[in-house]
Amino acid sequence: MDYPKSTIEFRLNNRSGIPAYFQIVQQVRQALRLGFLVPGDQLPTVREVVSKIAINPNTVFKAYRELEMEGLVESRPGLGTFITVTLADDSIAYHDSLRIKLIEWIRESRIVGLNNESIEALFLSTLYALEPEPKK
């Protein structure tokens, strides 16, 4: 039986201070939230990840184990690692229009001279400033 292969390609930021295995976990979670990965999709094999991003195989195993413990994937011996749930919700219908606005904002940010780190800092600081106060 052929299984749908994932189109996710992991990227590591060695300067982020975030462990490599956790970056992989975060990227899978994000892909699930955005609907890029759906139940039944197969994650890249450890060998594929290692060959593409030059990472220790144990790091990939650790990330996949973490995802399995969270119930997001299941390992099928001899077949691979497969997505079991989605994290996308009804808001996914609005993602395309929001992405277009975000692309415009990023382009404007680059025009005025912001680099990726500055864009990320500005975005996150604004996002966190808009978080509702926790209920007491």
N, C-alpha and C. Protein backbone atom coordinates (compact mmCIF):
# COMPACT_ATOMS: atom_id res chain seq x y z
N MET A 1 0.84 -1.19 0.00
CA MET A 1 0.00 0.00 0.00
C MET A 1 0.88 1.24 0.00
N ASP A 2 0.56 2.19 -0.85
CA ASP A 2 1.31 3.44 -0.90
C ASP A 2 0.69 4.44 0.06
N TYR A 3 1.55 5.14 0.82
CA TYR A 3 1.09 6.14 1.76
C TYR A 3 1.46 7.52 1.23
N PRO A 4 0.62 8.53 1.51
CA PRO A 4 0.95 9.88 1.05
C PRO A 4 2.21 10.38 1.75
N LYS A 5 3.17 10.82 0.98
CA LYS A 5 4.40 11.37 1.54
C LYS A 5 4.17 12.81 1.94
N SER A 6 4.83 13.21 2.98
CA SER A 6 4.75 14.58 3.46
C SER A 6 5.55 15.49 2.53
N THR A 7 5.13 16.73 2.47
CA THR A 7 5.89 17.71 1.71
C THR A 7 6.68 18.62 2.64
N ILE A 8 6.68 18.32 3.92
CA ILE A 8 7.38 19.17 4.87
C ILE A 8 8.89 19.02 4.68
N GLU A 9 9.57 20.14 4.69
CA GLU A 9 11.03 20.15 4.65
C GLU A 9 11.48 20.94 5.86
N PHE A 10 12.19 20.27 6.74
CA PHE A 10 12.62 20.91 7.97
C PHE A 10 13.76 21.88 7.71
N ARG A 11 13.74 22.98 8.46
CA ARG A 11 14.81 23.98 8.41
C ARG A 11 15.26 24.23 9.84
N LEU A 12 16.56 24.29 10.02
CA LEU A 12 17.09 24.54 11.36
C LEU A 12 17.74 25.91 11.41
N ASN A 13 17.51 26.60 12.51
CA ASN A 13 18.16 27.87 12.78
C ASN A 13 19.14 27.63 13.91
N ASN A 14 20.41 27.49 13.57
CA ASN A 14 21.43 27.17 14.57
C ASN A 14 21.71 28.31 15.53
N ARG A 15 21.24 29.51 15.20
CA ARG A 15 21.48 30.67 16.06
C ARG A 15 20.31 30.98 16.97
N SER A 16 19.24 30.19 16.91
CA SER A 16 18.03 30.51 17.66
C SER A 16 18.14 30.18 19.14
N GLY A 17 19.05 29.28 19.50
CA GLY A 17 19.13 28.85 20.90
C GLY A 17 18.10 27.77 21.22
N ILE A 18 17.26 27.41 20.25
CA ILE A 18 16.26 26.36 20.44
C ILE A 18 16.86 25.04 19.97
N PRO A 19 16.79 24.01 20.81
CA PRO A 19 17.38 22.72 20.40
C PRO A 19 16.80 22.24 19.07
N ALA A 20 17.64 21.58 18.28
CA ALA A 20 17.25 21.14 16.94
C ALA A 20 16.03 20.22 16.98
N TYR A 21 15.98 19.30 17.94
CA TYR A 21 14.84 18.37 17.98
C TYR A 21 13.55 19.15 18.20
N PHE A 22 13.59 20.20 19.04
CA PHE A 22 12.39 20.96 19.33
C PHE A 22 11.98 21.82 18.14
N GLN A 23 12.94 22.28 17.34
CA GLN A 23 12.60 23.01 16.12
C GLN A 23 11.81 22.11 15.18
N ILE A 24 12.20 20.83 15.08
CA ILE A 24 11.47 19.88 14.24
C ILE A 24 10.05 19.68 14.79
N VAL A 25 9.94 19.50 16.10
CA VAL A 25 8.62 19.34 16.74
C VAL A 25 7.75 20.56 16.44
N GLN A 26 8.29 21.75 16.62
CA GLN A 26 7.53 22.98 16.37
C GLN A 26 7.08 23.07 14.91
N GLN A 27 7.95 22.69 13.99
CA GLN A 27 7.61 22.78 12.57
C GLN A 27 6.49 21.81 12.20
N VAL A 28 6.49 20.62 12.81
CA VAL A 28 5.40 19.68 12.56
C VAL A 28 4.11 20.23 13.14
N ARG A 29 4.16 20.76 14.36
CA ARG A 29 2.95 21.34 14.97
C ARG A 29 2.39 22.46 14.10
N GLN A 30 3.28 23.34 13.62
CA GLN A 30 2.84 24.45 12.77
C GLN A 30 2.20 23.93 11.49
N ALA A 31 2.80 22.93 10.87
CA ALA A 31 2.26 22.35 9.63
C ALA A 31 0.88 21.73 9.89
N LEU A 32 0.70 21.15 11.07
CA LEU A 32 -0.60 20.58 11.43
C LEU A 32 -1.64 21.67 11.62
N ARG A 33 -1.25 22.77 12.27
CA ARG A 33 -2.18 23.89 12.49
C ARG A 33 -2.60 24.55 11.18
N LEU A 34 -1.67 24.60 10.24
CA LEU A 34 -1.94 25.28 8.97
C LEU A 34 -2.55 24.36 7.93
N GLY A 35 -2.72 23.10 8.27
CA GLY A 35 -3.32 22.16 7.33
C GLY A 35 -2.37 21.66 6.26
N PHE A 36 -1.07 21.92 6.42
CA PHE A 36 -0.08 21.43 5.46
C PHE A 36 0.15 19.94 5.63
N LEU A 37 -0.06 19.44 6.83
CA LEU A 37 0.01 18.00 7.12
C LEU A 37 -1.36 17.57 7.64
N VAL A 38 -1.82 16.42 7.18
CA VAL A 38 -3.11 15.91 7.60
C VAL A 38 -2.95 14.44 7.99
N PRO A 39 -3.92 13.93 8.76
CA PRO A 39 -3.84 12.52 9.16
C PRO A 39 -3.63 11.60 7.95
N GLY A 40 -2.68 10.69 8.14
CA GLY A 40 -2.33 9.76 7.07
C GLY A 40 -1.06 10.14 6.34
N ASP A 41 -0.67 11.43 6.39
CA ASP A 41 0.58 11.84 5.75
C ASP A 41 1.76 11.20 6.46
N GLN A 42 2.77 10.90 5.70
CA GLN A 42 3.98 10.31 6.25
C GLN A 42 5.05 11.38 6.39
N LEU A 43 5.67 11.44 7.56
CA LEU A 43 6.80 12.35 7.75
C LEU A 43 8.01 11.80 6.99
N PRO A 44 8.95 12.67 6.65
CA PRO A 44 10.17 12.17 6.01
C PRO A 44 10.85 11.16 6.94
N THR A 45 11.51 10.19 6.35
CA THR A 45 12.24 9.22 7.16
C THR A 45 13.40 9.93 7.84
N VAL A 46 13.88 9.31 8.90
CA VAL A 46 15.04 9.88 9.60
C VAL A 46 16.20 10.04 8.62
N ARG A 47 16.40 9.03 7.79
CA ARG A 47 17.50 9.09 6.80
C ARG A 47 17.34 10.27 5.86
N GLU A 48 16.09 10.54 5.41
CA GLU A 48 15.85 11.68 4.51
C GLU A 48 16.15 13.00 5.20
N VAL A 49 15.73 13.13 6.45
CA VAL A 49 15.97 14.37 7.20
C VAL A 49 17.47 14.57 7.40
N VAL A 50 18.16 13.52 7.80
CA VAL A 50 19.60 13.60 8.04
C VAL A 50 20.34 14.02 6.77
N SER A 51 19.94 13.47 5.63
CA SER A 51 20.64 13.79 4.38
C SER A 51 20.37 15.21 3.91
N LYS A 52 19.19 15.75 4.25
CA LYS A 52 18.86 17.10 3.77
C LYS A 52 19.37 18.22 4.67
N ILE A 53 19.40 17.98 5.99
CA ILE A 53 19.81 19.09 6.87
C ILE A 53 21.02 18.77 7.74
N ALA A 54 21.71 17.70 7.44
CA ALA A 54 22.95 17.36 8.15
C ALA A 54 22.78 17.45 9.67
N ILE A 55 21.98 16.56 10.19
CA ILE A 55 21.66 16.53 11.61
C ILE A 55 21.89 15.12 12.12
N ASN A 56 22.16 14.98 13.40
CA ASN A 56 22.36 13.68 14.00
C ASN A 56 21.05 12.89 13.96
N PRO A 57 21.09 11.64 13.53
CA PRO A 57 19.85 10.83 13.48
C PRO A 57 19.13 10.75 14.83
N ASN A 58 19.90 10.72 15.93
CA ASN A 58 19.27 10.64 17.25
C ASN A 58 18.41 11.87 17.54
N THR A 59 18.79 13.00 16.98
CA THR A 59 18.02 14.23 17.16
C THR A 59 16.65 14.10 16.48
N VAL A 60 16.64 13.54 15.30
CA VAL A 60 15.38 13.33 14.58
C VAL A 60 14.53 12.30 15.31
N PHE A 61 15.16 11.20 15.75
CA PHE A 61 14.43 10.19 16.53
C PHE A 61 13.79 10.81 17.76
N LYS A 62 14.54 11.69 18.44
CA LYS A 62 14.02 12.33 19.65
C LYS A 62 12.80 13.20 19.31
N ALA A 63 12.86 13.94 18.21
CA ALA A 63 11.73 14.78 17.80
C ALA A 63 10.52 13.92 17.48
N TYR A 64 10.72 12.85 16.74
CA TYR A 64 9.61 11.98 16.36
C TYR A 64 9.01 11.28 17.58
N ARG A 65 9.88 10.91 18.54
CA ARG A 65 9.38 10.31 19.79
C ARG A 65 8.51 11.30 20.55
N GLU A 66 8.97 12.55 20.63
CA GLU A 66 8.20 13.61 21.31
C GLU A 66 6.83 13.79 20.65
N LEU A 67 6.81 13.83 19.33
CA LEU A 67 5.54 13.96 18.60
C LEU A 67 4.64 12.76 18.85
N GLU A 68 5.24 11.59 18.97
CA GLU A 68 4.45 10.38 19.23
C GLU A 68 3.88 10.42 20.65
N MET A 69 4.67 10.88 21.61
CA MET A 69 4.18 10.98 22.99
C MET A 69 3.04 11.99 23.09
N GLU A 70 3.04 13.01 22.25
CA GLU A 70 1.96 14.00 22.22
C GLU A 70 0.73 13.49 21.48
N GLY A 71 0.84 12.33 20.85
CA GLY A 71 -0.29 11.75 20.13
C GLY A 71 -0.50 12.33 18.75
N LEU A 72 0.50 13.02 18.22
CA LEU A 72 0.37 13.66 16.91
C LEU A 72 0.76 12.73 15.77
N VAL A 73 1.64 11.78 16.05
CA VAL A 73 2.11 10.85 15.03
C VAL A 73 2.15 9.44 15.62
N GLU A 74 2.26 8.47 14.73
CA GLU A 74 2.51 7.11 15.18
C GLU A 74 3.59 6.52 14.29
N SER A 75 4.44 5.75 14.92
CA SER A 75 5.50 5.06 14.20
C SER A 75 4.98 3.67 13.82
N ARG A 76 5.17 3.34 12.56
CA ARG A 76 4.79 2.00 12.09
C ARG A 76 6.07 1.31 11.64
N PRO A 77 6.53 0.35 12.45
CA PRO A 77 7.80 -0.31 12.15
C PRO A 77 7.86 -0.81 10.70
N GLY A 78 8.95 -0.46 10.06
CA GLY A 78 9.17 -0.87 8.68
C GLY A 78 8.47 0.00 7.65
N LEU A 79 7.57 0.89 8.10
CA LEU A 79 6.83 1.74 7.17
C LEU A 79 7.17 3.22 7.31
N GLY A 80 7.32 3.70 8.54
CA GLY A 80 7.63 5.11 8.76
C GLY A 80 6.81 5.71 9.87
N THR A 81 6.80 7.04 9.89
CA THR A 81 6.08 7.80 10.91
C THR A 81 4.96 8.57 10.24
N PHE A 82 3.74 8.43 10.79
CA PHE A 82 2.55 8.96 10.14
C PHE A 82 1.78 9.90 11.05
N ILE A 83 1.21 10.94 10.44
CA ILE A 83 0.38 11.90 11.15
C ILE A 83 -0.92 11.20 11.55
N THR A 84 -1.36 11.43 12.80
CA THR A 84 -2.58 10.79 13.29
C THR A 84 -3.72 11.77 13.56
N VAL A 85 -3.40 13.05 13.75
CA VAL A 85 -4.43 14.04 14.06
C VAL A 85 -4.12 15.34 13.32
N THR A 86 -5.09 16.24 13.34
CA THR A 86 -4.86 17.57 12.80
C THR A 86 -4.98 18.58 13.95
N LEU A 87 -4.33 19.69 13.81
CA LEU A 87 -4.48 20.78 14.77
C LEU A 87 -5.17 21.97 14.12
N ALA A 88 -5.54 21.81 12.84
CA ALA A 88 -6.23 22.88 12.12
C ALA A 88 -7.66 22.99 12.66
N ASP A 89 -8.19 24.21 12.61
CA ASP A 89 -9.57 24.43 13.03
C ASP A 89 -10.31 25.20 11.94
N ASP A 90 -11.48 25.70 12.26
CA ASP A 90 -12.30 26.39 11.26
C ASP A 90 -11.64 27.67 10.72
N SER A 91 -10.69 28.22 11.46
CA SER A 91 -10.04 29.45 11.00
C SER A 91 -9.21 29.22 9.75
N ILE A 92 -8.96 27.96 9.41
CA ILE A 92 -8.13 27.65 8.23
C ILE A 92 -8.72 28.27 6.97
N ALA A 93 -10.03 28.49 6.92
CA ALA A 93 -10.68 29.08 5.76
C ALA A 93 -10.21 30.51 5.51
N TYR A 94 -9.68 31.16 6.54
CA TYR A 94 -9.23 32.55 6.43
C TYR A 94 -7.73 32.67 6.20
N HIS A 95 -7.01 31.57 6.22
CA HIS A 95 -5.56 31.63 6.15
C HIS A 95 -5.04 32.29 4.88
N ASP A 96 -5.62 31.98 3.74
CA ASP A 96 -5.11 32.55 2.49
C ASP A 96 -5.18 34.07 2.49
N SER A 97 -6.32 34.64 2.88
CA SER A 97 -6.45 36.10 2.86
C SER A 97 -5.54 36.74 3.91
N LEU A 98 -5.41 36.09 5.05
CA LEU A 98 -4.50 36.62 6.08
C LEU A 98 -3.04 36.53 5.64
N ARG A 99 -2.70 35.44 4.95
CA ARG A 99 -1.32 35.26 4.47
C ARG A 99 -0.96 36.36 3.47
N ILE A 100 -1.90 36.73 2.61
CA ILE A 100 -1.65 37.80 1.64
C ILE A 100 -1.34 39.11 2.35
N LYS A 101 -2.11 39.44 3.39
CA LYS A 101 -1.87 40.66 4.16
C LYS A 101 -0.53 40.59 4.89
N LEU A 102 -0.21 39.43 5.40
CA LEU A 102 1.06 39.26 6.11
C LEU A 102 2.24 39.39 5.16
N ILE A 103 2.11 38.86 3.95
CA ILE A 103 3.17 38.99 2.95
C ILE A 103 3.40 40.47 2.63
N GLU A 104 2.33 41.23 2.48
CA GLU A 104 2.46 42.67 2.21
C GLU A 104 3.19 43.36 3.36
N TRP A 105 2.84 42.99 4.61
CA TRP A 105 3.47 43.60 5.78
C TRP A 105 4.96 43.25 5.82
N ILE A 106 5.30 42.00 5.53
CA ILE A 106 6.71 41.58 5.54
C ILE A 106 7.49 42.32 4.46
N ARG A 107 6.91 42.43 3.28
CA ARG A 107 7.60 43.15 2.20
C ARG A 107 7.85 44.61 2.60
N GLU A 108 6.85 45.25 3.19
CA GLU A 108 7.01 46.64 3.64
C GLU A 108 8.09 46.73 4.72
N SER A 109 8.12 45.75 5.61
CA SER A 109 9.14 45.72 6.67
C SER A 109 10.54 45.62 6.08
N ARG A 110 10.69 44.82 5.05
CA ARG A 110 12.00 44.68 4.40
C ARG A 110 12.39 45.96 3.67
N ILE A 111 11.40 46.62 3.06
CA ILE A 111 11.67 47.88 2.34
C ILE A 111 12.25 48.93 3.29
N VAL A 112 11.73 48.97 4.52
CA VAL A 112 12.23 49.97 5.47
C VAL A 112 13.50 49.50 6.19
N GLY A 113 13.99 48.30 5.84
CA GLY A 113 15.29 47.87 6.34
C GLY A 113 15.30 46.83 7.44
N LEU A 114 14.18 46.27 7.80
CA LEU A 114 14.18 45.26 8.84
C LEU A 114 14.67 43.93 8.29
N ASN A 115 15.52 43.25 9.06
CA ASN A 115 15.95 41.90 8.69
C ASN A 115 15.00 40.90 9.35
N ASN A 116 15.21 39.61 9.11
CA ASN A 116 14.29 38.60 9.63
C ASN A 116 14.18 38.63 11.15
N GLU A 117 15.30 38.81 11.83
CA GLU A 117 15.25 38.85 13.30
C GLU A 117 14.44 40.03 13.80
N SER A 118 14.59 41.19 13.16
CA SER A 118 13.83 42.37 13.56
C SER A 118 12.34 42.20 13.25
N ILE A 119 12.04 41.61 12.10
CA ILE A 119 10.64 41.36 11.74
C ILE A 119 10.01 40.43 12.76
N GLU A 120 10.73 39.36 13.09
CA GLU A 120 10.20 38.39 14.06
C GLU A 120 10.01 39.05 15.43
N ALA A 121 10.98 39.85 15.86
CA ALA A 121 10.87 40.52 17.16
C ALA A 121 9.68 41.47 17.19
N LEU A 122 9.51 42.25 16.13
CA LEU A 122 8.39 43.19 16.06
C LEU A 122 7.05 42.43 16.06
N PHE A 123 6.98 41.38 15.26
CA PHE A 123 5.74 40.60 15.19
C PHE A 123 5.42 39.99 16.55
N LEU A 124 6.38 39.31 17.16
CA LEU A 124 6.12 38.63 18.43
C LEU A 124 5.80 39.60 19.56
N SER A 125 6.52 40.73 19.61
CA SER A 125 6.23 41.69 20.68
C SER A 125 4.83 42.25 20.53
N THR A 126 4.39 42.48 19.29
CA THR A 126 3.04 42.96 19.04
C THR A 126 2.01 41.89 19.37
N LEU A 127 2.28 40.66 18.96
CA LEU A 127 1.38 39.55 19.25
C LEU A 127 1.18 39.39 20.75
N TYR A 128 2.28 39.39 21.51
CA TYR A 128 2.18 39.19 22.95
C TYR A 128 1.53 40.39 23.65
N ALA A 129 1.74 41.58 23.09
CA ALA A 129 1.10 42.77 23.69
C ALA A 129 -0.41 42.74 23.52
N LEU A 130 -0.89 42.04 22.53
CA LEU A 130 -2.32 41.96 22.26
C LEU A 130 -3.00 40.77 22.93
N GLU A 131 -2.23 39.95 23.65
CA GLU A 131 -2.83 38.80 24.32
C GLU A 131 -3.76 39.28 25.42
N PRO A 132 -4.91 38.63 25.54
CA PRO A 132 -5.83 39.02 26.61
C PRO A 132 -5.23 38.72 27.98
N GLU A 133 -5.62 39.52 28.95
CA GLU A 133 -5.17 39.30 30.33
C GLU A 133 -5.71 37.97 30.82
N PRO A 134 -4.89 37.21 31.56
CA PRO A 134 -5.39 35.94 32.09
C PRO A 134 -6.53 36.19 33.10
N LYS A 135 -7.53 35.31 33.06
CA LYS A 135 -8.65 35.44 34.00
C LYS A 135 -8.21 35.00 35.38
N LYS A 136 -8.71 35.72 36.37
CA LYS A 136 -8.35 35.39 37.77
C LYS A 136 -9.43 34.62 38.42
